Each structure stands twice: as C-alpha cells, then as structure tokens.
C-alpha cells in the first residue's frame, strides 16, 4: 500500500511512481546527445569533415562519428540512416553519411 502522501501526490498529479527516475535517465541521454546534434546542425552535409578516424567498427569519417549513451543500440537502416535506441525508445536518428566510404562502396 502506498503512503497516504504518495497516493495523494499521484492522484493529484497523475504520475506513475517511477516517472521521476525515467525522466532523469531520459534527460541524461539528451544531455549526452545535444552537443552531438548541435555539431551536426552546425556542420551541415557540405561542411562534413571526411578525415578518417579509427573506431571499434573500423575507419569512419570524422563527421560521421557520433557519441551514444551507454547501453544504446545502434542500427543502420537500408537507406544509410542511423537510428539510436535506449530501452526500445528512439533517442536519435542521423542521416546517411555524406562522405565516401573508406572501403569504396
């Protein structure tokens, strides 16, 4: 049984008990991704730095390397766009990299 105050809070505000912790996790993810998104918007596709950087997945153009939250799942779609999810929720989507692929493909 909920404490009477907790019950009053939830009935008045309509929030489930763990909403606060979910909101905190979401805000942490946003704080990690916001600078990356700002950088993407500032660069635009015409100003993308195509210098190759070593990553765990091989050489990748610098302008196409993104930081993602710990525990995120990264999926590249057939159109070349990249989708980042955390716990099944999409937290970021990136357009296809405009740089030529290092493998020539």
C-alpha atoms as a PDB file:
ATOM      1  CA  UNK A   1       0.000   0.000   0.000  1.00  0.00           C
ATOM      2  CA  UNK A   2       1.242   3.473  -0.853  1.00  0.00           C
ATOM      3  CA  UNK A   3       1.911   6.011   1.824  1.00  0.00           C
ATOM      4  CA  UNK A   4      -1.100   8.394   2.030  1.00  0.00           C
ATOM      5  CA  UNK A   5       1.018  11.324   0.859  1.00  0.00           C
ATOM      6  CA  UNK A   6       2.376   9.352  -2.106  1.00  0.00           C
ATOM      7  CA  UNK A   7      -1.142   8.301  -3.030  1.00  0.00           C
ATOM      8  CA  UNK A   8      -2.308  11.929  -2.779  1.00  0.00           C
ATOM      9  CA  UNK A   9       0.615  13.121  -4.917  1.00  0.00           C
ATOM     10  CA  UNK A  10      -0.058  10.603  -7.669  1.00  0.00           C
ATOM     11  CA  UNK A  11      -3.795  11.140  -7.706  1.00  0.00           C
ATOM     12  CA  UNK A  12      -3.311  14.916  -7.881  1.00  0.00           C
ATOM     13  CA  UNK A  13      -0.531  14.899 -10.456  1.00  0.00           C
ATOM     14  CA  UNK A  14      -1.314  11.736 -12.397  1.00  0.00           C
ATOM     15  CA  UNK A  15       2.285  10.473 -12.377  1.00  0.00           C
ATOM     16  CA  UNK A  16       3.220   6.809 -12.034  1.00  0.00           C
ATOM     17  CA  UNK A  17       5.649   6.055  -9.171  1.00  0.00           C
ATOM     18  CA  UNK A  18       8.854   5.694 -11.255  1.00  0.00           C
ATOM     19  CA  UNK A  19       8.278   8.588 -13.679  1.00  0.00           C
ATOM     20  CA  UNK A  20      10.897  10.689 -11.928  1.00  0.00           C
ATOM     21  CA  UNK A  21      13.674   8.114 -12.461  1.00  0.00           C
ATOM     22  CA  UNK A  22      12.654   7.579 -16.096  1.00  0.00           C
ATOM     23  CA  UNK A  23      12.702  11.328 -16.672  1.00  0.00           C
ATOM     24  CA  UNK A  24      16.177  11.595 -15.134  1.00  0.00           C
ATOM     25  CA  UNK A  25      17.517   8.833 -17.416  1.00  0.00           C
ATOM     26  CA  UNK A  26      15.950  10.481 -20.466  1.00  0.00           C
ATOM     27  CA  UNK A  27      17.436  13.875 -19.548  1.00  0.00           C
ATOM     28  CA  UNK A  28      20.887  12.311 -19.097  1.00  0.00           C
ATOM     29  CA  UNK A  29      20.621  10.843 -22.609  1.00  0.00           C
ATOM     30  CA  UNK A  30      19.522  14.187 -24.009  1.00  0.00           C
ATOM     31  CA  UNK A  31      22.474  15.923 -22.328  1.00  0.00           C
ATOM     32  CA  UNK A  32      24.849  13.443 -23.981  1.00  0.00           C
ATOM     33  CA  UNK A  33      23.259  13.767 -27.419  1.00  0.00           C
ATOM     34  CA  UNK A  34      22.527  17.506 -27.503  1.00  0.00           C
ATOM     35  CA  UNK A  35      26.135  18.591 -28.229  1.00  0.00           C
ATOM     36  CA  UNK A  36      26.365  15.970 -30.979  1.00  0.00           C
ATOM     37  CA  UNK A  37      23.151  17.186 -32.585  1.00  0.00           C
ATOM     38  CA  UNK A  38      24.301  20.818 -32.333  1.00  0.00           C
ATOM     39  CA  UNK A  39      27.550  19.882 -34.048  1.00  0.00           C
ATOM     40  CA  UNK A  40      25.660  18.104 -36.817  1.00  0.00           C
ATOM     41  CA  UNK A  41      23.428  21.093 -37.413  1.00  0.00           C
ATOM     42  CA  UNK A  42      26.404  23.469 -37.439  1.00  0.00           C
ATOM     43  CA  UNK A  43      28.403  21.374 -39.908  1.00  0.00           C
ATOM     44  CA  UNK A  44      25.713  20.523 -42.415  1.00  0.00           C
ATOM     45  CA  UNK A  45      26.423  17.968 -45.121  1.00  0.00           C
ATOM     46  CA  UNK A  46      28.557  20.325 -47.239  1.00  0.00           C
ATOM     47  CA  UNK A  47      30.941  21.032 -44.340  1.00  0.00           C
ATOM     48  CA  UNK A  48      31.341  17.458 -43.111  1.00  0.00           C
ATOM     49  CA  UNK A  49      34.898  16.536 -42.122  1.00  0.00           C
ATOM     50  CA  UNK A  50      35.675  13.324 -44.042  1.00  0.00           C
ATOM     51  CA  UNK A  51      39.042  12.708 -42.333  1.00  0.00           C
ATOM     52  CA  UNK A  52      39.103   9.038 -41.320  1.00  0.00           C
ATOM     53  CA  UNK A  53      39.169   8.168 -37.625  1.00  0.00           C
ATOM     54  CA  UNK A  54      39.810   4.745 -36.126  1.00  0.00           C
ATOM     55  CA  UNK A  55      36.732   3.428 -34.277  1.00  0.00           C
ATOM     56  CA  UNK A  56      35.902  -0.010 -32.838  1.00  0.00           C
ATOM     57  CA  UNK A  57      33.976  -0.625 -36.085  1.00  0.00           C
ATOM     58  CA  UNK A  58      36.889   0.372 -38.355  1.00  0.00           C
ATOM     59  CA  UNK A  59      37.796   3.639 -40.084  1.00  0.00           C
ATOM     60  CA  UNK A  60      34.918   6.123 -40.180  1.00  0.00           C
ATOM     61  CA  UNK A  61      34.810   9.725 -41.474  1.00  0.00           C
ATOM     62  CA  UNK A  62      35.152  12.134 -38.533  1.00  0.00           C
ATOM     63  CA  UNK A  63      31.944  13.980 -39.443  1.00  0.00           C
ATOM     64  CA  UNK A  64      30.007  10.720 -39.215  1.00  0.00           C
ATOM     65  CA  UNK A  65      31.154   9.598 -35.747  1.00  0.00           C
ATOM     66  CA  UNK A  66      28.518  10.067 -33.033  1.00  0.00           C
ATOM     67  CA  UNK A  67      28.622   9.575 -29.286  1.00  0.00           C
ATOM     68  CA  UNK A  68      25.749   7.478 -27.994  1.00  0.00           C
ATOM     69  CA  UNK A  69      24.524   6.760 -24.462  1.00  0.00           C
ATOM     70  CA  UNK A  70      25.878   3.758 -22.601  1.00  0.00           C
ATOM     71  CA  UNK A  71      23.707   0.713 -23.305  1.00  0.00           C
ATOM     72  CA  UNK A  72      22.321   2.171 -26.552  1.00  0.00           C
ATOM     73  CA  UNK A  73      21.565   0.056 -29.607  1.00  0.00           C
ATOM     74  CA  UNK A  74      22.734   1.450 -32.957  1.00  0.00           C
ATOM     75  CA  UNK A  75      21.102   0.280 -36.194  1.00  0.00           C
ATOM     76  CA  UNK A  76      21.936   1.338 -39.744  1.00  0.00           C
ATOM     77  CA  UNK A  77      18.874   1.254 -41.981  1.00  0.00           C
ATOM     78  CA  UNK A  78      18.815   0.277 -45.676  1.00  0.00           C
ATOM     79  CA  UNK A  79      18.743   3.976 -46.688  1.00  0.00           C
ATOM     80  CA  UNK A  80      22.019   4.570 -44.796  1.00  0.00           C
ATOM     81  CA  UNK A  81      20.457   6.491 -41.906  1.00  0.00           C
ATOM     82  CA  UNK A  82      21.374   5.505 -38.355  1.00  0.00           C
ATOM     83  CA  UNK A  83      18.882   5.020 -35.516  1.00  0.00           C
ATOM     84  CA  UNK A  84      19.955   5.002 -31.854  1.00  0.00           C
ATOM     85  CA  UNK A  85      17.648   3.430 -29.271  1.00  0.00           C
ATOM     86  CA  UNK A  86      17.796   3.058 -25.494  1.00  0.00           C
ATOM     87  CA  UNK A  87      15.467   0.526 -23.871  1.00  0.00           C
ATOM     88  CA  UNK A  88      13.486   0.308 -27.116  1.00  0.00           C
ATOM     89  CA  UNK A  89      12.909   4.082 -27.427  1.00  0.00           C
ATOM     90  CA  UNK A  90      14.470   6.044 -30.286  1.00  0.00           C
ATOM     91  CA  UNK A  91      16.748   8.733 -28.836  1.00  0.00           C
ATOM     92  CA  UNK A  92      18.436   9.881 -32.072  1.00  0.00           C
ATOM     93  CA  UNK A  93      18.307   9.458 -35.835  1.00  0.00           C
ATOM     94  CA  UNK A  94      21.178  10.513 -38.090  1.00  0.00           C
ATOM     95  CA  UNK A  95      21.105  10.978 -41.860  1.00  0.00           C
ATOM     96  CA  UNK A  96      23.346   8.905 -44.125  1.00  0.00           C
ATOM     97  CA  UNK A  97      26.994   9.924 -44.005  1.00  0.00           C
ATOM     98  CA  UNK A  98      27.737  12.218 -46.968  1.00  0.00           C
ATOM     99  CA  UNK A  99      31.415  11.199 -47.077  1.00  0.00           C
ATOM    100  CA  UNK A 100      32.663   8.485 -49.427  1.00  0.00           C
ATOM    101  CA  UNK A 101      33.027   5.137 -47.685  1.00  0.00           C
ATOM    102  CA  UNK A 102      36.624   4.133 -46.940  1.00  0.00           C
ATOM    103  CA  UNK A 103      36.017   0.704 -48.485  1.00  0.00           C
ATOM    104  CA  UNK A 104      34.984   2.361 -51.766  1.00  0.00           C
ATOM    105  CA  UNK A 105      31.386   1.088 -51.515  1.00  0.00           C
END
